[in-house]
């Protein structure tokens, strides 16, 4: 399962673009920021962007893109690997042990909640593949990586299937496909996807996101 998770992750450039696309669609489909499933902060820190998946049920995936590489921190609150499932309430040995210090240091921010973790995946810019912390997962257990990495939707069809379930909306496949194909997002496209939204407010948020940068 672990190999499959790593193989399902595209290279950081494509991953960053995917996370921006999903964040932009969340902005259009959901006016309430706290209810959004995918988000993206272009200027999280100097030279660092942050993407986040938050399902509102206590599970999250945080991806930091930096000039030296990318790091993914995931937390599945039901996982046996959660610090809350340990007697000593601490991060399991192996999750962070092999992470390069220049990437691990990116997690040193209170908002990241570094110790709330069940798996870590990283890739330096000089690497040709992703790496994952070596942790023994109990039989029939999970660190949450399969589930949370699966919340990165690679195709318009996958995103629409998610949106129907989560937002209880059925977005236009034509418009979503255009956004996935990097077409500039217009007022007309926003109105088609969500006629009830404040188009100007959405455009302002998309400008902050700088989708095409």
Protein backbone atom coordinates (compact mmCIF):
# COMPACT_ATOMS: atom_id res chain seq x y z
CA UNK A 1 0.00 0.00 0.00
CA UNK A 2 2.80 2.41 0.90
CA UNK A 3 4.49 2.11 -2.50
CA UNK A 4 1.15 2.76 -4.19
CA UNK A 5 0.69 5.92 -2.12
CA UNK A 6 4.08 7.27 -3.18
CA UNK A 7 3.51 6.32 -6.79
CA UNK A 8 0.14 8.09 -6.79
CA UNK A 9 1.82 11.40 -5.95
CA UNK A 10 2.87 13.40 -9.02
CA UNK A 11 6.04 15.46 -9.03
CA UNK A 12 5.89 18.61 -6.83
CA UNK A 13 5.26 20.99 -9.74
CA UNK A 14 2.19 19.07 -10.87
CA UNK A 15 1.07 18.47 -7.28
CA UNK A 16 1.26 22.18 -6.51
CA UNK A 17 -0.82 22.98 -9.58
CA UNK A 18 -3.42 20.35 -8.62
CA UNK A 19 -3.70 21.72 -5.09
CA UNK A 20 -4.22 25.25 -6.44
CA UNK A 21 -6.89 24.04 -8.84
CA UNK A 22 -8.78 22.27 -6.06
CA UNK A 23 -8.42 25.25 -3.73
CA UNK A 24 -9.80 27.56 -6.42
CA UNK A 25 -12.81 25.31 -6.95
CA UNK A 26 -13.44 25.25 -3.19
CA UNK A 27 -13.37 29.07 -3.15
CA UNK A 28 -16.01 29.13 -5.88
CA UNK A 29 -18.23 26.42 -4.45
CA UNK A 30 -18.05 27.34 -0.76
CA UNK A 31 -18.30 30.88 0.63
CA UNK A 32 -17.53 29.76 4.20
CA UNK A 33 -13.76 29.37 4.49
CA UNK A 34 -13.96 27.05 7.50
CA UNK A 35 -16.01 24.54 5.50
CA UNK A 36 -13.59 24.29 2.59
CA UNK A 37 -11.94 20.94 2.05
CA UNK A 38 -8.96 22.13 -0.02
CA UNK A 39 -7.12 25.39 0.57
CA UNK A 40 -3.91 27.01 -0.59
CA UNK A 41 -1.80 29.85 0.83
CA UNK A 42 0.58 31.27 -1.76
CA UNK A 43 2.80 33.18 0.68
CA UNK A 44 2.75 31.00 3.77
CA UNK A 45 6.36 31.90 4.56
CA UNK A 46 9.25 33.41 2.63
CA UNK A 47 9.42 31.35 -0.56
CA UNK A 48 7.04 28.73 0.90
CA UNK A 49 3.52 27.84 -0.22
CA UNK A 50 1.11 25.73 1.82
CA UNK A 51 -1.69 23.48 0.60
CA UNK A 52 -4.10 21.88 3.03
CA UNK A 53 -6.82 19.26 2.98
CA UNK A 54 -9.13 19.36 6.00
CA UNK A 55 -12.19 17.15 6.08
CA UNK A 56 -13.67 18.83 9.15
CA UNK A 57 -13.70 15.52 11.02
CA UNK A 58 -10.25 15.77 12.58
CA UNK A 59 -8.15 14.54 9.66
CA UNK A 60 -5.83 16.71 7.60
CA UNK A 61 -3.04 16.75 5.05
CA UNK A 62 -0.60 19.67 4.89
CA UNK A 63 1.82 20.13 1.99
CA UNK A 64 4.61 22.70 2.10
CA UNK A 65 6.37 23.61 -1.14
CA UNK A 66 9.75 25.29 -0.66
CA UNK A 67 12.85 26.17 -2.72
CA UNK A 68 14.64 23.06 -1.37
CA UNK A 69 11.78 20.58 -1.70
CA UNK A 70 8.34 19.56 -0.53
CA UNK A 71 7.05 17.91 2.64
CA UNK A 72 3.66 16.35 3.36
CA UNK A 73 2.38 15.91 6.91
CA UNK A 74 -0.74 13.82 7.38
CA UNK A 75 -2.92 13.13 10.38
CA UNK A 76 -5.65 10.51 10.58
CA UNK A 77 -7.27 10.87 13.99
CA UNK A 78 -8.51 7.27 13.95
CA UNK A 79 -5.11 5.77 13.07
CA UNK A 80 -3.30 3.52 15.52
CA UNK A 81 -0.23 5.65 14.80
CA UNK A 82 -1.78 8.82 16.22
CA UNK A 83 0.05 10.29 19.22
CA UNK A 84 -3.30 10.17 21.02
CA UNK A 85 -3.28 6.39 20.66
CA UNK A 86 0.09 6.12 22.44
CA UNK A 87 0.52 5.79 26.19
CA UNK A 88 3.18 8.49 26.20
CA UNK A 89 1.34 10.71 23.71
CA UNK A 90 4.27 11.24 21.38
CA UNK A 91 5.14 11.01 17.69
CA UNK A 92 5.99 7.44 16.75
CA UNK A 93 9.65 6.76 16.06
CA UNK A 94 10.33 6.57 12.36
CA UNK A 95 7.77 9.08 11.10
CA UNK A 96 10.24 11.99 11.03
CA UNK A 97 13.57 10.21 11.60
CA UNK A 98 14.84 10.31 8.01
CA UNK A 99 13.36 13.63 6.92
CA UNK A 100 16.08 16.08 5.77
CA UNK A 101 16.42 18.83 8.37
CA UNK A 102 15.88 21.60 5.82
CA UNK A 103 12.43 20.15 5.11
CA UNK A 104 11.59 19.08 8.66
CA UNK A 105 12.26 22.64 9.86
CA UNK A 106 9.37 23.85 7.68
CA UNK A 107 6.97 22.16 10.09
CA UNK A 108 8.16 24.24 13.06
CA UNK A 109 5.10 26.48 13.18
CA UNK A 110 2.31 26.27 15.73
CA UNK A 111 -0.31 26.33 12.96
CA UNK A 112 1.19 23.19 11.41
CA UNK A 113 0.74 21.14 14.62
CA UNK A 114 3.86 19.12 13.90
CA UNK A 115 3.19 16.54 16.61
CA UNK A 116 -0.30 15.75 15.28
CA UNK A 117 0.99 13.32 12.66
CA UNK A 118 0.48 9.74 11.52
CA UNK A 119 2.68 9.87 8.40
CA UNK A 120 5.21 12.08 6.65
CA UNK A 121 6.21 12.10 2.98
CA UNK A 122 8.91 14.29 1.46
CA UNK A 123 10.90 14.98 -1.67
CA UNK A 124 13.93 17.20 -2.09
CA UNK A 125 14.20 19.00 -5.40
CA UNK A 126 17.22 16.85 -6.22
CA UNK A 127 15.21 13.63 -5.66
CA UNK A 128 13.54 11.66 -8.43
CA UNK A 129 10.88 10.16 -6.17
CA UNK A 130 8.98 10.67 -2.92
CA UNK A 131 10.09 9.17 0.41
CA UNK A 132 8.10 8.17 3.45
CA UNK A 133 8.95 7.66 7.10
CA UNK A 134 9.61 4.02 7.94
CA UNK A 135 7.07 3.03 10.59
CA UNK A 136 5.70 -0.39 11.44
CA UNK A 137 1.96 -0.29 10.82
CA UNK A 138 -0.11 -2.82 12.79
CA UNK A 139 -1.76 -5.58 10.77
CA UNK A 140 -5.11 -4.37 9.41
CA UNK A 141 -4.13 -0.87 10.58
CA UNK A 142 -3.49 2.29 8.60
CA UNK A 143 -1.47 5.48 8.93
CA UNK A 144 -4.12 7.35 6.93
CA UNK A 145 -1.89 8.04 3.93
CA UNK A 146 -3.95 5.97 1.48
CA UNK A 147 -7.12 7.78 2.52
CA UNK A 148 -5.69 11.32 2.66
CA UNK A 149 -3.54 11.15 -0.47
CA UNK A 150 -6.69 9.85 -2.13
CA UNK A 151 -8.29 13.23 -1.39
CA UNK A 152 -6.01 14.80 -4.00
CA UNK A 153 -8.23 14.63 -7.08
CA UNK A 154 -6.24 14.30 -10.30
CA UNK A 155 -9.13 14.61 -12.75
CA UNK A 156 -12.22 16.82 -13.16
CA UNK A 157 -14.42 13.74 -12.90
CA UNK A 158 -12.93 12.76 -9.53
CA UNK A 159 -13.36 16.30 -8.20
CA UNK A 160 -16.99 16.44 -9.32
CA UNK A 161 -17.73 13.12 -7.64
CA UNK A 162 -16.27 14.56 -4.44
CA UNK A 163 -18.16 17.88 -4.79
CA UNK A 164 -21.51 16.14 -5.24
CA UNK A 165 -20.97 14.30 -1.97
CA UNK A 166 -19.28 17.02 0.10
CA UNK A 167 -20.82 20.28 -1.15
CA UNK A 168 -24.07 18.69 -2.35
CA UNK A 169 -23.58 20.48 -5.66
CA UNK A 170 -23.15 19.09 -9.16
CA UNK A 171 -20.62 21.36 -10.90
CA UNK A 172 -20.47 21.64 -14.67
CA UNK A 173 -17.96 19.12 -16.04
CA UNK A 174 -17.12 21.51 -18.88
CA UNK A 175 -16.20 24.36 -16.54
CA UNK A 176 -14.32 22.18 -14.06
CA UNK A 177 -12.39 20.60 -16.94
CA UNK A 178 -11.38 24.06 -18.20
CA UNK A 179 -10.04 24.97 -14.75
CA UNK A 180 -8.10 21.71 -14.63
CA UNK A 181 -6.73 22.60 -18.09
CA UNK A 182 -5.49 25.94 -16.74
CA UNK A 183 -8.03 28.19 -18.48
CA UNK A 184 -8.34 31.64 -16.83
CA UNK A 185 -11.34 31.65 -14.49
CA UNK A 186 -13.98 34.14 -15.64
CA UNK A 187 -17.08 35.64 -14.01
CA UNK A 188 -19.21 33.51 -16.34
CA UNK A 189 -17.46 30.31 -15.21
CA UNK A 190 -17.95 31.25 -11.56
CA UNK A 191 -21.65 31.96 -12.11
CA UNK A 192 -22.14 28.62 -13.84
CA UNK A 193 -20.45 26.73 -10.99
CA UNK A 194 -22.16 28.62 -8.17
CA UNK A 195 -24.91 31.11 -9.12
CA UNK A 196 -25.42 32.01 -5.44
CA UNK A 197 -21.88 33.17 -4.69
CA UNK A 198 -20.46 36.69 -4.48
CA UNK A 199 -18.53 36.74 -7.74
CA UNK A 200 -16.40 39.77 -6.85
CA UNK A 201 -15.39 38.27 -3.51
CA UNK A 202 -14.48 35.01 -5.28
CA UNK A 203 -12.37 36.84 -7.86
CA UNK A 204 -10.51 38.68 -5.08
CA UNK A 205 -9.71 35.41 -3.33
CA UNK A 206 -8.59 33.81 -6.58
CA UNK A 207 -6.27 36.76 -7.19
CA UNK A 208 -4.67 36.15 -3.77
CA UNK A 209 -4.30 32.50 -4.71
CA UNK A 210 -2.60 33.50 -7.97
CA UNK A 211 -3.77 30.31 -9.61
CA UNK A 212 -1.70 30.79 -12.72
CA UNK A 213 1.57 31.65 -10.99
